[in-house]
C-alpha atoms as a PDB file:
ATOM      1  CA  UNK A   1     -17.475  -0.112  18.964  1.00  0.00           C
ATOM      2  CA  UNK A   2     -13.944  -0.828  17.459  1.00  0.00           C
ATOM      3  CA  UNK A   3     -10.775  -1.935  19.352  1.00  0.00           C
ATOM      4  CA  UNK A   4     -12.758  -3.072  22.425  1.00  0.00           C
ATOM      5  CA  UNK A   5     -13.385  -6.619  24.087  1.00  0.00           C
ATOM      6  CA  UNK A   6     -17.113  -6.266  23.599  1.00  0.00           C
ATOM      7  CA  UNK A   7     -18.639  -8.403  21.201  1.00  0.00           C
ATOM      8  CA  UNK A   8     -21.335  -6.927  19.021  1.00  0.00           C
ATOM      9  CA  UNK A   9     -24.869  -8.738  19.416  1.00  0.00           C
ATOM     10  CA  UNK A  10     -25.583 -11.349  17.155  1.00  0.00           C
ATOM     11  CA  UNK A  11     -28.405 -10.720  14.682  1.00  0.00           C
ATOM     12  CA  UNK A  12     -29.759 -13.960  14.695  1.00  0.00           C
ATOM     13  CA  UNK A  13     -30.008 -16.636  17.903  1.00  0.00           C
ATOM     14  CA  UNK A  14     -27.542 -19.739  17.816  1.00  0.00           C
ATOM     15  CA  UNK A  15     -30.918 -21.993  17.128  1.00  0.00           C
ATOM     16  CA  UNK A  16     -31.966 -19.769  14.429  1.00  0.00           C
ATOM     17  CA  UNK A  17     -28.787 -20.041  12.634  1.00  0.00           C
ATOM     18  CA  UNK A  18     -28.692 -23.894  13.583  1.00  0.00           C
ATOM     19  CA  UNK A  19     -32.010 -24.067  11.727  1.00  0.00           C
ATOM     20  CA  UNK A  20     -31.229 -21.883   8.913  1.00  0.00           C
ATOM     21  CA  UNK A  21     -27.599 -23.132   7.908  1.00  0.00           C
ATOM     22  CA  UNK A  22     -26.863 -26.674   7.553  1.00  0.00           C
ATOM     23  CA  UNK A  23     -23.796 -27.408   9.862  1.00  0.00           C
ATOM     24  CA  UNK A  24     -23.838 -24.466  11.594  1.00  0.00           C
ATOM     25  CA  UNK A  25     -22.519 -24.638  15.266  1.00  0.00           C
ATOM     26  CA  UNK A  26     -20.857 -27.891  14.509  1.00  0.00           C
ATOM     27  CA  UNK A  27     -17.746 -26.948  16.854  1.00  0.00           C
ATOM     28  CA  UNK A  28     -19.865 -25.664  19.637  1.00  0.00           C
ATOM     29  CA  UNK A  29     -19.315 -28.995  21.774  1.00  0.00           C
ATOM     30  CA  UNK A  30     -15.961 -28.730  23.237  1.00  0.00           C
ATOM     31  CA  UNK A  31     -15.143 -32.511  22.697  1.00  0.00           C
ATOM     32  CA  UNK A  32     -15.853 -32.152  18.951  1.00  0.00           C
ATOM     33  CA  UNK A  33     -13.025 -29.430  18.245  1.00  0.00           C
ATOM     34  CA  UNK A  34      -9.729 -30.716  16.796  1.00  0.00           C
ATOM     35  CA  UNK A  35      -7.486 -28.992  19.673  1.00  0.00           C
ATOM     36  CA  UNK A  36      -9.520 -30.553  22.351  1.00  0.00           C
ATOM     37  CA  UNK A  37      -6.569 -32.090  24.292  1.00  0.00           C
ATOM     38  CA  UNK A  38      -4.588 -28.793  24.290  1.00  0.00           C
ATOM     39  CA  UNK A  39      -7.273 -26.261  24.370  1.00  0.00           C
ATOM     40  CA  UNK A  40      -8.299 -24.768  27.678  1.00  0.00           C
ATOM     41  CA  UNK A  41     -11.740 -23.440  27.693  1.00  0.00           C
ATOM     42  CA  UNK A  42     -12.426 -20.717  30.024  1.00  0.00           C
ATOM     43  CA  UNK A  43     -16.090 -19.348  29.634  1.00  0.00           C
ATOM     44  CA  UNK A  44     -15.401 -16.294  31.712  1.00  0.00           C
ATOM     45  CA  UNK A  45     -12.544 -14.833  29.649  1.00  0.00           C
ATOM     46  CA  UNK A  46     -13.834 -12.527  27.184  1.00  0.00           C
ATOM     47  CA  UNK A  47     -11.001 -12.583  24.822  1.00  0.00           C
ATOM     48  CA  UNK A  48      -9.085  -9.175  25.336  1.00  0.00           C
ATOM     49  CA  UNK A  49      -7.563  -8.516  28.438  1.00  0.00           C
ATOM     50  CA  UNK A  50      -7.476  -4.750  28.209  1.00  0.00           C
ATOM     51  CA  UNK A  51     -10.587  -2.306  27.554  1.00  0.00           C
ATOM     52  CA  UNK A  52      -8.874  -0.398  25.141  1.00  0.00           C
ATOM     53  CA  UNK A  53      -5.376  -1.307  23.730  1.00  0.00           C
ATOM     54  CA  UNK A  54      -2.196   0.728  24.419  1.00  0.00           C
ATOM     55  CA  UNK A  55      -1.871   3.283  21.890  1.00  0.00           C
ATOM     56  CA  UNK A  56       1.135   4.081  19.629  1.00  0.00           C
ATOM     57  CA  UNK A  57       2.604   7.382  19.962  1.00  0.00           C
ATOM     58  CA  UNK A  58       1.734   9.768  17.274  1.00  0.00           C
ATOM     59  CA  UNK A  59       4.917  11.746  16.492  1.00  0.00           C
ATOM     60  CA  UNK A  60       3.217  14.012  13.767  1.00  0.00           C
ATOM     61  CA  UNK A  61      -0.181  14.501  12.693  1.00  0.00           C
ATOM     62  CA  UNK A  62      -0.952  11.446  10.714  1.00  0.00           C
ATOM     63  CA  UNK A  63      -3.472  11.281   7.845  1.00  0.00           C
ATOM     64  CA  UNK A  64      -6.991   9.571   8.747  1.00  0.00           C
ATOM     65  CA  UNK A  65      -9.898   9.157   6.822  1.00  0.00           C
ATOM     66  CA  UNK A  66     -12.796  11.393   7.634  1.00  0.00           C
ATOM     67  CA  UNK A  67     -15.037   8.587   8.377  1.00  0.00           C
ATOM     68  CA  UNK A  68     -12.716   7.510  11.316  1.00  0.00           C
ATOM     69  CA  UNK A  69     -12.904   9.374  14.778  1.00  0.00           C
ATOM     70  CA  UNK A  70      -9.510   8.255  15.674  1.00  0.00           C
ATOM     71  CA  UNK A  71      -6.342   6.466  14.408  1.00  0.00           C
ATOM     72  CA  UNK A  72      -6.196   2.903  15.013  1.00  0.00           C
ATOM     73  CA  UNK A  73      -3.648   1.651  18.180  1.00  0.00           C
ATOM     74  CA  UNK A  74      -1.107   0.716  15.869  1.00  0.00           C
ATOM     75  CA  UNK A  75      -0.284   2.603  12.328  1.00  0.00           C
ATOM     76  CA  UNK A  76       2.666   2.630   9.850  1.00  0.00           C
ATOM     77  CA  UNK A  77       5.478   5.079  10.411  1.00  0.00           C
ATOM     78  CA  UNK A  78       8.194   3.915   7.975  1.00  0.00           C
ATOM     79  CA  UNK A  79       7.251   6.235   5.082  1.00  0.00           C
ATOM     80  CA  UNK A  80       6.032   9.940   6.473  1.00  0.00           C
ATOM     81  CA  UNK A  81       4.643  12.123   3.949  1.00  0.00           C
ATOM     82  CA  UNK A  82       7.097  14.713   2.455  1.00  0.00           C
ATOM     83  CA  UNK A  83       7.398  17.037  -0.085  1.00  0.00           C
ATOM     84  CA  UNK A  84       4.659  17.929  -2.722  1.00  0.00           C
ATOM     85  CA  UNK A  85       3.531  14.073  -2.807  1.00  0.00           C
ATOM     86  CA  UNK A  86       2.747  14.278   0.979  1.00  0.00           C
ATOM     87  CA  UNK A  87       0.920  17.640   0.639  1.00  0.00           C
ATOM     88  CA  UNK A  88      -1.303  15.837  -1.990  1.00  0.00           C
ATOM     89  CA  UNK A  89      -1.900  12.898   0.255  1.00  0.00           C
ATOM     90  CA  UNK A  90      -2.542  15.191   3.183  1.00  0.00           C
ATOM     91  CA  UNK A  91      -5.181  16.921   1.262  1.00  0.00           C
ATOM     92  CA  UNK A  92      -6.834  13.835   0.102  1.00  0.00           C
ATOM     93  CA  UNK A  93      -7.361  12.808   3.623  1.00  0.00           C
ATOM     94  CA  UNK A  94      -8.370  15.996   4.773  1.00  0.00           C
ATOM     95  CA  UNK A  95     -11.016  17.124   2.312  1.00  0.00           C
ATOM     96  CA  UNK A  96     -12.423  13.674   0.801  1.00  0.00           C
ATOM     97  CA  UNK A  97     -14.180  10.688   2.158  1.00  0.00           C
ATOM     98  CA  UNK A  98     -12.712   7.247   1.253  1.00  0.00           C
ATOM     99  CA  UNK A  99     -16.221   6.886  -0.829  1.00  0.00           C
ATOM    100  CA  UNK A 100     -15.246   9.482  -3.105  1.00  0.00           C
ATOM    101  CA  UNK A 101     -13.048   8.920  -6.325  1.00  0.00           C
ATOM    102  CA  UNK A 102     -11.288  12.281  -5.932  1.00  0.00           C
ATOM    103  CA  UNK A 103      -9.683  10.647  -2.435  1.00  0.00           C
ATOM    104  CA  UNK A 104      -8.207   7.718  -4.527  1.00  0.00           C
ATOM    105  CA  UNK A 105      -7.401   9.592  -7.249  1.00  0.00           C
ATOM    106  CA  UNK A 106      -5.643  12.186  -5.381  1.00  0.00           C
ATOM    107  CA  UNK A 107      -3.786   9.201  -3.545  1.00  0.00           C
ATOM    108  CA  UNK A 108      -2.682   7.721  -6.749  1.00  0.00           C
ATOM    109  CA  UNK A 109      -1.363  11.275  -7.974  1.00  0.00           C
ATOM    110  CA  UNK A 110       0.580  11.650  -4.869  1.00  0.00           C
ATOM    111  CA  UNK A 111       2.052   8.183  -5.508  1.00  0.00           C
ATOM    112  CA  UNK A 112       3.207   9.213  -9.162  1.00  0.00           C
ATOM    113  CA  UNK A 113       4.650  12.543  -7.754  1.00  0.00           C
ATOM    114  CA  UNK A 114       6.371  10.636  -5.194  1.00  0.00           C
ATOM    115  CA  UNK A 115       8.141   8.512  -8.026  1.00  0.00           C
ATOM    116  CA  UNK A 116       9.076  11.828  -9.603  1.00  0.00           C
ATOM    117  CA  UNK A 117      10.561  13.253  -6.649  1.00  0.00           C
ATOM    118  CA  UNK A 118      12.235  10.338  -5.574  1.00  0.00           C
ATOM    119  CA  UNK A 119      14.145  10.175  -8.937  1.00  0.00           C
ATOM    120  CA  UNK A 120      14.936  13.708  -8.628  1.00  0.00           C
ATOM    121  CA  UNK A 121      16.436  13.275  -5.129  1.00  0.00           C
ATOM    122  CA  UNK A 122      18.465  10.215  -6.523  1.00  0.00           C
ATOM    123  CA  UNK A 123      19.884  12.449  -9.355  1.00  0.00           C
ATOM    124  CA  UNK A 124      21.063  14.871  -6.656  1.00  0.00           C
ATOM    125  CA  UNK A 125      22.851  12.269  -4.659  1.00  0.00           C
ATOM    126  CA  UNK A 126      26.643  10.806  -5.567  1.00  0.00           C
ATOM    127  CA  UNK A 127      24.954   7.491  -6.321  1.00  0.00           C
ATOM    128  CA  UNK A 128      22.020   7.780  -8.634  1.00  0.00           C
ATOM    129  CA  UNK A 129      19.501   5.005  -9.427  1.00  0.00           C
ATOM    130  CA  UNK A 130      20.621   2.782 -12.246  1.00  0.00           C
ATOM    131  CA  UNK A 131      17.556   1.978 -14.474  1.00  0.00           C
ATOM    132  CA  UNK A 132      19.305  -0.735 -16.568  1.00  0.00           C
ATOM    133  CA  UNK A 133      19.925  -3.045 -13.336  1.00  0.00           C
ATOM    134  CA  UNK A 134      17.487  -1.749 -10.994  1.00  0.00           C
ATOM    135  CA  UNK A 135      14.565  -2.574 -13.576  1.00  0.00           C
ATOM    136  CA  UNK A 136      15.576  -6.039 -14.236  1.00  0.00           C
ATOM    137  CA  UNK A 137      16.367  -5.381 -17.947  1.00  0.00           C
ATOM    138  CA  UNK A 138      19.339  -7.661 -17.980  1.00  0.00           C
ATOM    139  CA  UNK A 139      17.393 -10.423 -16.587  1.00  0.00           C
ATOM    140  CA  UNK A 140      15.064 -10.264 -19.632  1.00  0.00           C
ATOM    141  CA  UNK A 141      18.085 -10.997 -21.734  1.00  0.00           C
ATOM    142  CA  UNK A 142      20.341 -13.238 -19.631  1.00  0.00           C
ATOM    143  CA  UNK A 143      17.288 -15.445 -17.770  1.00  0.00           C
ATOM    144  CA  UNK A 144      15.080 -16.579 -20.981  1.00  0.00           C
ATOM    145  CA  UNK A 145      12.776 -13.189 -20.356  1.00  0.00           C
ATOM    146  CA  UNK A 146      11.154 -13.529 -23.610  1.00  0.00           C
ATOM    147  CA  UNK A 147      10.472 -17.436 -23.205  1.00  0.00           C
ATOM    148  CA  UNK A 148       9.037 -16.920 -19.903  1.00  0.00           C
ATOM    149  CA  UNK A 149       6.566 -14.334 -20.801  1.00  0.00           C
ATOM    150  CA  UNK A 150       5.006 -15.599 -23.763  1.00  0.00           C
ATOM    151  CA  UNK A 151       3.086 -18.980 -24.005  1.00  0.00           C
ATOM    152  CA  UNK A 152       2.180 -19.316 -20.365  1.00  0.00           C
ATOM    153  CA  UNK A 153      -1.298 -17.694 -20.649  1.00  0.00           C
ATOM    154  CA  UNK A 154      -0.285 -14.930 -18.881  1.00  0.00           C
ATOM    155  CA  UNK A 155      -2.638 -11.760 -18.720  1.00  0.00           C
ATOM    156  CA  UNK A 156       0.143  -9.119 -18.611  1.00  0.00           C
ATOM    157  CA  UNK A 157       1.247  -9.941 -22.326  1.00  0.00           C
ATOM    158  CA  UNK A 158      -1.101  -7.197 -23.530  1.00  0.00           C
ATOM    159  CA  UNK A 159       0.902  -4.553 -22.049  1.00  0.00           C
ATOM    160  CA  UNK A 160       4.567  -5.818 -22.638  1.00  0.00           C
ATOM    161  CA  UNK A 161       4.785  -3.159 -25.479  1.00  0.00           C
ATOM    162  CA  UNK A 162       4.171  -0.241 -23.055  1.00  0.00           C
ATOM    163  CA  UNK A 163       6.837  -1.357 -20.495  1.00  0.00           C
ATOM    164  CA  UNK A 164      10.142  -0.098 -22.400  1.00  0.00           C
ATOM    165  CA  UNK A 165       7.874   3.326 -22.691  1.00  0.00           C
ATOM    166  CA  UNK A 166       7.115   3.516 -18.999  1.00  0.00           C
ATOM    167  CA  UNK A 167      10.282   2.604 -17.493  1.00  0.00           C
ATOM    168  CA  UNK A 168      12.502   4.226 -20.401  1.00  0.00           C
ATOM    169  CA  UNK A 169      10.689   7.082 -21.398  1.00  0.00           C
ATOM    170  CA  UNK A 170      11.219   9.364 -18.008  1.00  0.00           C
ATOM    171  CA  UNK A 171      14.824   8.657 -18.232  1.00  0.00           C
ATOM    172  CA  UNK A 172      15.139   9.321 -21.768  1.00  0.00           C
ATOM    173  CA  UNK A 173      13.224  12.722 -21.210  1.00  0.00           C
ATOM    174  CA  UNK A 174      15.676  13.247 -18.227  1.00  0.00           C
ATOM    175  CA  UNK A 175      18.821  12.892 -20.492  1.00  0.00           C
ATOM    176  CA  UNK A 176      17.178  15.345 -23.153  1.00  0.00           C
ATOM    177  CA  UNK A 177      16.240  17.746 -20.530  1.00  0.00           C
ATOM    178  CA  UNK A 178      19.659  17.641 -18.860  1.00  0.00           C
ATOM    179  CA  UNK A 179      21.461  18.045 -22.414  1.00  0.00           C
ATOM    180  CA  UNK A 180      19.558  20.768 -23.367  1.00  0.00           C
ATOM    181  CA  UNK A 181      20.397  22.638 -20.216  1.00  0.00           C
ATOM    182  CA  UNK A 182      23.932  22.222 -20.346  1.00  0.00           C
ATOM    183  CA  UNK A 183      23.789  23.193 -23.849  1.00  0.00           C
ATOM    184  CA  UNK A 184      22.096  26.456 -23.029  1.00  0.00           C
ATOM    185  CA  UNK A 185      24.517  27.114 -20.229  1.00  0.00           C
ATOM    186  CA  UNK A 186      27.400  26.709 -22.656  1.00  0.00           C
ATOM    187  CA  UNK A 187      26.138  28.902 -25.296  1.00  0.00           C
ATOM    188  CA  UNK A 188      25.456  31.745 -22.651  1.00  0.00           C
ATOM    189  CA  UNK A 189      28.096  34.713 -23.014  1.00  0.00           C
ATOM    190  CA  UNK A 190      30.099  35.171 -20.109  1.00  0.00           C
ATOM    191  CA  UNK A 191      30.405  38.803 -19.222  1.00  0.00           C
END
């Protein structure tokens, strides 16, 4: 059982393991252990001082895989699901097992949707993201970017040509869409 102090039974006895695996159990003798002077050995102590650890409070319904009957005692709360990406992630956990490709594909789709949502949210603030400084493009020019990328047997050299498209294309698309919207609004006759 998970999260309890009880140890599962060994599949093989110590003598069977010692006969099959050379060197198995070399540290069974307490005097042979490297931490001997400081280690206090208490054979009655099982390891955990609780039957089940204290659970972290669940402030909203958390996503959990279908395979698990309960959440672990401690879980992350830094980034609660929100917006369309949160709906996609919750659907992935509610409908598909972790062993299904659909589960992971939906989680990746949720991540991509979250990137778009964050970009749109950034545009609505008074301080939008700055793609020039935040993507490290200036560091490529100022700090020997080309020299550090080439000639060092890096595996990511094959996709360098895609980097400007992946980083720049969404921003360029956003500029084009904004330009067209502004142009359309300006052409509309006022009544």
